[in-house]
Amino acid sequence: MILRKLEPQERAETRKLWEEVFPEDTKEFLDYYYFVKTGINEIYVIEADGEIRSMIQLNPYKIQIMDRECASHYII
């Protein structure tokens, strides 16, 4: 098994896995998500036999801690 960060042009390769894991998500939502959100996400995958078997997506997200705004990630 190989763990690696996807290049931007590879991100669409995770859609099939997303559709398997979240069958309730509509085509319209996924079209939006993969067109807008994955462009700014960091996506890591585990591959085996040349196929994506698992993924984690890190969506940039700002949080407020007292009077400071801090960069973080929303994990999917």
PDB file of N, CA and C in Angstrom:
ATOM      1  N   MET A   1       0.834  -1.186   0.000  1.00  0.00           N
ATOM      2  CA  MET A   1       0.000   0.000   0.000  1.00  0.00           C
ATOM      3  C   MET A   1       0.874   1.242   0.000  1.00  0.00           C
ATOM      4  N   ILE A   2       0.360   2.266  -0.663  1.00  0.00           N
ATOM      5  CA  ILE A   2       1.094   3.521  -0.785  1.00  0.00           C
ATOM      6  C   ILE A   2       0.210   4.663  -0.286  1.00  0.00           C
ATOM      7  N   LEU A   3       0.768   5.503   0.580  1.00  0.00           N
ATOM      8  CA  LEU A   3       0.098   6.724   1.035  1.00  0.00           C
ATOM      9  C   LEU A   3       0.738   7.885   0.294  1.00  0.00           C
ATOM     10  N   ARG A   4      -0.101   8.706  -0.338  1.00  0.00           N
ATOM     11  CA  ARG A   4       0.461   9.857  -1.037  1.00  0.00           C
ATOM     12  C   ARG A   4      -0.555  10.980  -1.168  1.00  0.00           C
ATOM     13  N   LYS A   5      -0.034  12.191  -1.367  1.00  0.00           N
ATOM     14  CA  LYS A   5      -0.863  13.370  -1.608  1.00  0.00           C
ATOM     15  C   LYS A   5      -1.130  13.453  -3.105  1.00  0.00           C
ATOM     16  N   LEU A   6      -2.396  13.675  -3.461  1.00  0.00           N
ATOM     17  CA  LEU A   6      -2.744  13.783  -4.870  1.00  0.00           C
ATOM     18  C   LEU A   6      -2.343  15.136  -5.432  1.00  0.00           C
ATOM     19  N   GLU A   7      -1.978  15.124  -6.684  1.00  0.00           N
ATOM     20  CA  GLU A   7      -1.749  16.355  -7.432  1.00  0.00           C
ATOM     21  C   GLU A   7      -3.116  16.921  -7.817  1.00  0.00           C
ATOM     22  N   PRO A   8      -3.212  18.229  -8.029  1.00  0.00           N
ATOM     23  CA  PRO A   8      -4.516  18.826  -8.371  1.00  0.00           C
ATOM     24  C   PRO A   8      -5.227  18.134  -9.527  1.00  0.00           C
ATOM     25  N   GLN A   9      -4.502  17.741 -10.551  1.00  0.00           N
ATOM     26  CA  GLN A   9      -5.135  17.113 -11.704  1.00  0.00           C
ATOM     27  C   GLN A   9      -5.625  15.690 -11.422  1.00  0.00           C
ATOM     28  N   GLU A  10      -5.271  15.119 -10.278  1.00  0.00           N
ATOM     29  CA  GLU A  10      -5.690  13.760  -9.924  1.00  0.00           C
ATOM     30  C   GLU A  10      -6.914  13.725  -9.014  1.00  0.00           C
ATOM     31  N   ARG A  11      -7.329  14.844  -8.498  1.00  0.00           N
ATOM     32  CA  ARG A  11      -8.364  14.875  -7.459  1.00  0.00           C
ATOM     33  C   ARG A  11      -9.683  14.252  -7.887  1.00  0.00           C
ATOM     34  N   ALA A  12     -10.048  14.381  -9.146  1.00  0.00           N
ATOM     35  CA  ALA A  12     -11.311  13.807  -9.633  1.00  0.00           C
ATOM     36  C   ALA A  12     -11.325  12.283  -9.524  1.00  0.00           C
ATOM     37  N   GLU A  13     -10.159  11.666  -9.420  1.00  0.00           N
ATOM     38  CA  GLU A  13     -10.077  10.209  -9.308  1.00  0.00           C
ATOM     39  C   GLU A  13     -10.704   9.687  -8.016  1.00  0.00           C
ATOM     40  N   THR A  14     -10.935  10.559  -7.040  1.00  0.00           N
ATOM     41  CA  THR A  14     -11.534  10.122  -5.772  1.00  0.00           C
ATOM     42  C   THR A  14     -13.058  10.095  -5.819  1.00  0.00           C
ATOM     43  N   ARG A  15     -13.646  10.627  -6.870  1.00  0.00           N
ATOM     44  CA  ARG A  15     -15.116  10.742  -6.921  1.00  0.00           C
ATOM     45  C   ARG A  15     -15.796   9.380  -6.851  1.00  0.00           C
ATOM     46  N   LYS A  16     -15.267   8.388  -7.533  1.00  0.00           N
ATOM     47  CA  LYS A  16     -15.871   7.044  -7.513  1.00  0.00           C
ATOM     48  C   LYS A  16     -15.957   6.519  -6.077  1.00  0.00           C
ATOM     49  N   LEU A  17     -14.878   6.665  -5.317  1.00  0.00           N
ATOM     50  CA  LEU A  17     -14.878   6.218  -3.923  1.00  0.00           C
ATOM     51  C   LEU A  17     -15.891   7.018  -3.114  1.00  0.00           C
ATOM     52  N   TRP A  18     -15.946   8.329  -3.323  1.00  0.00           N
ATOM     53  CA  TRP A  18     -16.918   9.174  -2.613  1.00  0.00           C
ATOM     54  C   TRP A  18     -18.335   8.672  -2.878  1.00  0.00           C
ATOM     55  N   GLU A  19     -18.652   8.376  -4.140  1.00  0.00           N
ATOM     56  CA  GLU A  19     -19.993   7.908  -4.503  1.00  0.00           C
ATOM     57  C   GLU A  19     -20.328   6.583  -3.825  1.00  0.00           C
ATOM     58  N   GLU A  20     -19.336   5.715  -3.642  1.00  0.00           N
ATOM     59  CA  GLU A  20     -19.555   4.437  -2.955  1.00  0.00           C
ATOM     60  C   GLU A  20     -19.816   4.645  -1.466  1.00  0.00           C
ATOM     61  N   VAL A  21     -19.071   5.542  -0.851  1.00  0.00           N
ATOM     62  CA  VAL A  21     -19.163   5.760   0.594  1.00  0.00           C
ATOM     63  C   VAL A  21     -20.378   6.608   0.971  1.00  0.00           C
ATOM     64  N   PHE A  22     -20.719   7.568   0.128  1.00  0.00           N
ATOM     65  CA  PHE A  22     -21.832   8.480   0.400  1.00  0.00           C
ATOM     66  C   PHE A  22     -22.881   8.397  -0.715  1.00  0.00           C
ATOM     67  N   PRO A  23     -23.597   7.280  -0.831  1.00  0.00           N
ATOM     68  CA  PRO A  23     -24.558   7.118  -1.934  1.00  0.00           C
ATOM     69  C   PRO A  23     -25.723   8.104  -1.872  1.00  0.00           C
ATOM     70  N   GLU A  24     -25.944   8.713  -0.718  1.00  0.00           N
ATOM     71  CA  GLU A  24     -27.050   9.663  -0.577  1.00  0.00           C
ATOM     72  C   GLU A  24     -26.747  11.026  -1.212  1.00  0.00           C
ATOM     73  N   ASP A  25     -25.495  11.313  -1.506  1.00  0.00           N
ATOM     74  CA  ASP A  25     -25.147  12.597  -2.119  1.00  0.00           C
ATOM     75  C   ASP A  25     -25.615  12.630  -3.572  1.00  0.00           C
ATOM     76  N   THR A  26     -26.223  13.733  -3.940  1.00  0.00           N
ATOM     77  CA  THR A  26     -26.770  13.861  -5.291  1.00  0.00           C
ATOM     78  C   THR A  26     -25.669  14.174  -6.302  1.00  0.00           C
ATOM     79  N   LYS A  27     -25.964  13.900  -7.546  1.00  0.00           N
ATOM     80  CA  LYS A  27     -25.042  14.227  -8.629  1.00  0.00           C
ATOM     81  C   LYS A  27     -24.757  15.725  -8.646  1.00  0.00           C
ATOM     82  N   GLU A  28     -25.789  16.535  -8.414  1.00  0.00           N
ATOM     83  CA  GLU A  28     -25.623  17.986  -8.423  1.00  0.00           C
ATOM     84  C   GLU A  28     -24.664  18.449  -7.327  1.00  0.00           C
ATOM     85  N   PHE A  29     -24.804  17.857  -6.125  1.00  0.00           N
ATOM     86  CA  PHE A  29     -23.892  18.209  -5.037  1.00  0.00           C
ATOM     87  C   PHE A  29     -22.464  17.817  -5.396  1.00  0.00           C
ATOM     88  N   LEU A  30     -22.283  16.605  -5.906  1.00  0.00           N
ATOM     89  CA  LEU A  30     -20.934  16.147  -6.240  1.00  0.00           C
ATOM     90  C   LEU A  30     -20.321  16.952  -7.375  1.00  0.00           C
ATOM     91  N   ASP A  31     -21.124  17.328  -8.346  1.00  0.00           N
ATOM     92  CA  ASP A  31     -20.605  18.182  -9.419  1.00  0.00           C
ATOM     93  C   ASP A  31     -20.073  19.486  -8.828  1.00  0.00           C
ATOM     94  N   TYR A  32     -20.866  20.091  -7.927  1.00  0.00           N
ATOM     95  CA  TYR A  32     -20.427  21.321  -7.250  1.00  0.00           C
ATOM     96  C   TYR A  32     -19.166  21.060  -6.423  1.00  0.00           C
ATOM     97  N   TYR A  33     -19.211  20.034  -5.577  1.00  0.00           N
ATOM     98  CA  TYR A  33     -18.107  19.757  -4.665  1.00  0.00           C
ATOM     99  C   TYR A  33     -16.807  19.530  -5.432  1.00  0.00           C
ATOM    100  N   TYR A  34     -16.871  18.710  -6.469  1.00  0.00           N
ATOM    101  CA  TYR A  34     -15.652  18.396  -7.214  1.00  0.00           C
ATOM    102  C   TYR A  34     -15.210  19.531  -8.130  1.00  0.00           C
ATOM    103  N   PHE A  35     -16.101  20.437  -8.491  1.00  0.00           N
ATOM    104  CA  PHE A  35     -15.719  21.587  -9.311  1.00  0.00           C
ATOM    105  C   PHE A  35     -15.164  22.720  -8.447  1.00  0.00           C
ATOM    106  N   VAL A  36     -15.774  22.946  -7.273  1.00  0.00           N
ATOM    107  CA  VAL A  36     -15.404  24.094  -6.428  1.00  0.00           C
ATOM    108  C   VAL A  36     -14.474  23.705  -5.282  1.00  0.00           C
ATOM    109  N   LYS A  37     -14.890  22.779  -4.455  1.00  0.00           N
ATOM    110  CA  LYS A  37     -14.179  22.497  -3.204  1.00  0.00           C
ATOM    111  C   LYS A  37     -12.872  21.735  -3.372  1.00  0.00           C
ATOM    112  N   THR A  38     -12.845  20.724  -4.216  1.00  0.00           N
ATOM    113  CA  THR A  38     -11.613  19.940  -4.295  1.00  0.00           C
ATOM    114  C   THR A  38     -10.454  20.736  -4.877  1.00  0.00           C
ATOM    115  N   GLY A  39     -10.758  21.861  -5.494  1.00  0.00           N
ATOM    116  CA  GLY A  39      -9.691  22.708  -6.016  1.00  0.00           C
ATOM    117  C   GLY A  39      -8.841  23.345  -4.933  1.00  0.00           C
ATOM    118  N   ILE A  40      -9.394  23.469  -3.726  1.00  0.00           N
ATOM    119  CA  ILE A  40      -8.648  24.088  -2.623  1.00  0.00           C
ATOM    120  C   ILE A  40      -8.286  23.089  -1.522  1.00  0.00           C
ATOM    121  N   ASN A  41      -8.774  21.866  -1.633  1.00  0.00           N
ATOM    122  CA  ASN A  41      -8.500  20.834  -0.629  1.00  0.00           C
ATOM    123  C   ASN A  41      -7.125  20.221  -0.823  1.00  0.00           C
ATOM    124  N   GLU A  42      -6.609  19.655   0.255  1.00  0.00           N
ATOM    125  CA  GLU A  42      -5.473  18.743   0.169  1.00  0.00           C
ATOM    126  C   GLU A  42      -6.081  17.355   0.279  1.00  0.00           C
ATOM    127  N   ILE A  43      -5.756  16.479  -0.652  1.00  0.00           N
ATOM    128  CA  ILE A  43      -6.326  15.136  -0.634  1.00  0.00           C
ATOM    129  C   ILE A  43      -5.189  14.123  -0.581  1.00  0.00           C
ATOM    130  N   TYR A  44      -5.270  13.243   0.415  1.00  0.00           N
ATOM    131  CA  TYR A  44      -4.316  12.150   0.569  1.00  0.00           C
ATOM    132  C   TYR A  44      -5.055  10.844   0.337  1.00  0.00           C
ATOM    133  N   VAL A  45      -4.391   9.897  -0.305  1.00  0.00           N
ATOM    134  CA  VAL A  45      -5.022   8.611  -0.592  1.00  0.00           C
ATOM    135  C   VAL A  45      -4.098   7.473  -0.190  1.00  0.00           C
ATOM    136  N   ILE A  46      -4.716   6.335   0.031  1.00  0.00           N
ATOM    137  CA  ILE A  46      -3.986   5.079   0.146  1.00  0.00           C
ATOM    138  C   ILE A  46      -4.347   4.278  -1.089  1.00  0.00           C
ATOM    139  N   GLU A  47      -3.311   3.840  -1.805  1.00  0.00           N
ATOM    140  CA  GLU A  47      -3.512   3.058  -3.020  1.00  0.00           C
ATOM    141  C   GLU A  47      -2.968   1.648  -2.831  1.00  0.00           C
ATOM    142  N   ALA A  48      -3.659   0.706  -3.430  1.00  0.00           N
ATOM    143  CA  ALA A  48      -3.197  -0.675  -3.471  1.00  0.00           C
ATOM    144  C   ALA A  48      -3.547  -1.219  -4.848  1.00  0.00           C
ATOM    145  N   ASP A  49      -2.612  -1.885  -5.460  1.00  0.00           N
ATOM    146  CA  ASP A  49      -2.808  -2.440  -6.804  1.00  0.00           C
ATOM    147  C   ASP A  49      -3.272  -1.376  -7.792  1.00  0.00           C
ATOM    148  N   GLY A  50      -2.757  -0.153  -7.638  1.00  0.00           N
ATOM    149  CA  GLY A  50      -3.079   0.923  -8.560  1.00  0.00           C
ATOM    150  C   GLY A  50      -4.447   1.549  -8.389  1.00  0.00           C
ATOM    151  N   GLU A  51      -5.174   1.175  -7.332  1.00  0.00           N
ATOM    152  CA  GLU A  51      -6.507   1.725  -7.084  1.00  0.00           C
ATOM    153  C   GLU A  51      -6.538   2.481  -5.764  1.00  0.00           C
ATOM    154  N   ILE A  52      -7.346   3.549  -5.732  1.00  0.00           N
ATOM    155  CA  ILE A  52      -7.538   4.299  -4.494  1.00  0.00           C
ATOM    156  C   ILE A  52      -8.441   3.485  -3.582  1.00  0.00           C
ATOM    157  N   ARG A  53      -7.953   3.162  -2.395  1.00  0.00           N
ATOM    158  CA  ARG A  53      -8.710   2.354  -1.435  1.00  0.00           C
ATOM    159  C   ARG A  53      -9.250   3.186  -0.283  1.00  0.00           C
ATOM    160  N   SER A  54      -8.594   4.319  -0.013  1.00  0.00           N
ATOM    161  CA  SER A  54      -9.007   5.175   1.094  1.00  0.00           C
ATOM    162  C   SER A  54      -8.542   6.596   0.795  1.00  0.00           C
ATOM    163  N   MET A  55      -9.232   7.569   1.401  1.00  0.00           N
ATOM    164  CA  MET A  55      -8.823   8.956   1.209  1.00  0.00           C
ATOM    165  C   MET A  55      -9.174   9.777   2.437  1.00  0.00           C
ATOM    166  N   ILE A  56      -8.472  10.889   2.561  1.00  0.00           N
ATOM    167  CA  ILE A  56      -8.811  11.913   3.541  1.00  0.00           C
ATOM    168  C   ILE A  56      -8.682  13.245   2.814  1.00  0.00           C
ATOM    169  N   GLN A  57      -9.673  14.101   3.025  1.00  0.00           N
ATOM    170  CA  GLN A  57      -9.647  15.419   2.411  1.00  0.00           C
ATOM    171  C   GLN A  57      -9.547  16.466   3.516  1.00  0.00           C
ATOM    172  N   LEU A  58      -8.624  17.386   3.342  1.00  0.00           N
ATOM    173  CA  LEU A  58      -8.423  18.472   4.294  1.00  0.00           C
ATOM    174  C   LEU A  58      -8.907  19.760   3.642  1.00  0.00           C
ATOM    175  N   ASN A  59     -10.059  20.238   4.098  1.00  0.00           N
ATOM    176  CA  ASN A  59     -10.637  21.474   3.571  1.00  0.00           C
ATOM    177  C   ASN A  59     -10.143  22.645   4.409  1.00  0.00           C
ATOM    178  N   PRO A  60      -9.567  23.682   3.791  1.00  0.00           N
ATOM    179  CA  PRO A  60      -9.133  24.849   4.557  1.00  0.00           C
ATOM    180  C   PRO A  60     -10.321  25.474   5.293  1.00  0.00           C
ATOM    181  N   TYR A  61     -10.082  25.857   6.536  1.00  0.00           N
ATOM    182  CA  TYR A  61     -11.162  26.389   7.366  1.00  0.00           C
ATOM    183  C   TYR A  61     -10.554  27.331   8.391  1.00  0.00           C
ATOM    184  N   LYS A  62     -11.163  28.474   8.592  1.00  0.00           N
ATOM    185  CA  LYS A  62     -10.679  29.417   9.602  1.00  0.00           C
ATOM    186  C   LYS A  62     -11.531  29.288  10.857  1.00  0.00           C
ATOM    187  N   ILE A  63     -10.844  29.299  12.000  1.00  0.00           N
ATOM    188  CA  ILE A  63     -11.543  29.246  13.282  1.00  0.00           C
ATOM    189  C   ILE A  63     -11.141  30.454  14.121  1.00  0.00           C
ATOM    190  N   GLN A  64     -12.025  30.812  15.015  1.00  0.00           N
ATOM    191  CA  GLN A  64     -11.777  31.938  15.920  1.00  0.00           C
ATOM    192  C   GLN A  64     -11.407  31.370  17.287  1.00  0.00           C
ATOM    193  N   ILE A  65     -10.248  31.755  17.796  1.00  0.00           N
ATOM    194  CA  ILE A  65      -9.816  31.380  19.140  1.00  0.00           C
ATOM    195  C   ILE A  65      -9.582  32.678  19.894  1.00  0.00           C
ATOM    196  N   MET A  66     -10.517  32.957  20.783  1.00  0.00           N
ATOM    197  CA  MET A  66     -10.538  34.235  21.487  1.00  0.00           C
ATOM    198  C   MET A  66     -10.546  35.363  20.455  1.00  0.00           C
ATOM    199  N   ASP A  67      -9.527  36.197  20.426  1.00  0.00           N
ATOM    200  CA  ASP A  67      -9.536  37.317  19.481  1.00  0.00           C
ATOM    201  C   ASP A  67      -8.683  37.050  18.236  1.00  0.00           C
ATOM    202  N   ARG A  68      -8.269  35.807  18.051  1.00  0.00           N
ATOM    203  CA  ARG A  68      -7.415  35.462  16.912  1.00  0.00           C
ATOM    204  C   ARG A  68      -8.150  34.575  15.917  1.00  0.00           C
ATOM    205  N   GLU A  69      -7.929  34.828  14.655  1.00  0.00           N
ATOM    206  CA  GLU A  69      -8.422  33.947  13.604  1.00  0.00           C
ATOM    207  C   GLU A  69      -7.267  33.045  13.194  1.00  0.00           C
ATOM    208  N   CYS A  70      -7.519  31.738  13.185  1.00  0.00           N
ATOM    209  CA  CYS A  70      -6.461  30.770  12.909  1.00  0.00           C
ATOM    210  C   CYS A  70      -6.842  29.879  11.731  1.00  0.00           C
ATOM    211  N   ALA A  71      -5.859  29.563  10.920  1.00  0.00           N
ATOM    212  CA  ALA A  71      -6.074  28.637   9.809  1.00  0.00           C
ATOM    213  C   ALA A  71      -6.079  27.211  10.348  1.00  0.00           C
ATOM    214  N   SER A  72      -6.990  26.417   9.842  1.00  0.00           N
ATOM    215  CA  SER A  72      -7.060  25.006  10.217  1.00  0.00           C
ATOM    216  C   SER A  72      -7.633  24.243   9.029  1.00  0.00           C
ATOM    217  N   HIS A  73      -7.998  22.997   9.267  1.00  0.00           N
ATOM    218  CA  HIS A  73      -8.614  22.180   8.223  1.00  0.00           C
ATOM    219  C   HIS A  73      -9.840  21.477   8.777  1.00  0.00           C
ATOM    220  N   TYR A  74     -10.839  21.380   7.945  1.00  0.00           N
ATOM    221  CA  TYR A  74     -12.017  20.562   8.210  1.00  0.00           C
ATOM    222  C   TYR A  74     -11.726  19.219   7.558  1.00  0.00           C
ATOM    223  N   ILE A  75     -11.756  18.157   8.333  1.00  0.00           N
ATOM    224  CA  ILE A  75     -11.353  16.845   7.825  1.00  0.00           C
ATOM    225  C   ILE A  75     -12.562  16.057   7.347  1.00  0.00           C
ATOM    226  N   ILE A  76     -12.447  15.561   6.126  1.00  0.00           N
ATOM    227  CA  ILE A  76     -13.484  14.689   5.560  1.00  0.00           C
ATOM    228  C   ILE A  76     -12.843  13.354   5.258  1.00  0.00           C
TER     229      ILE A  76
END
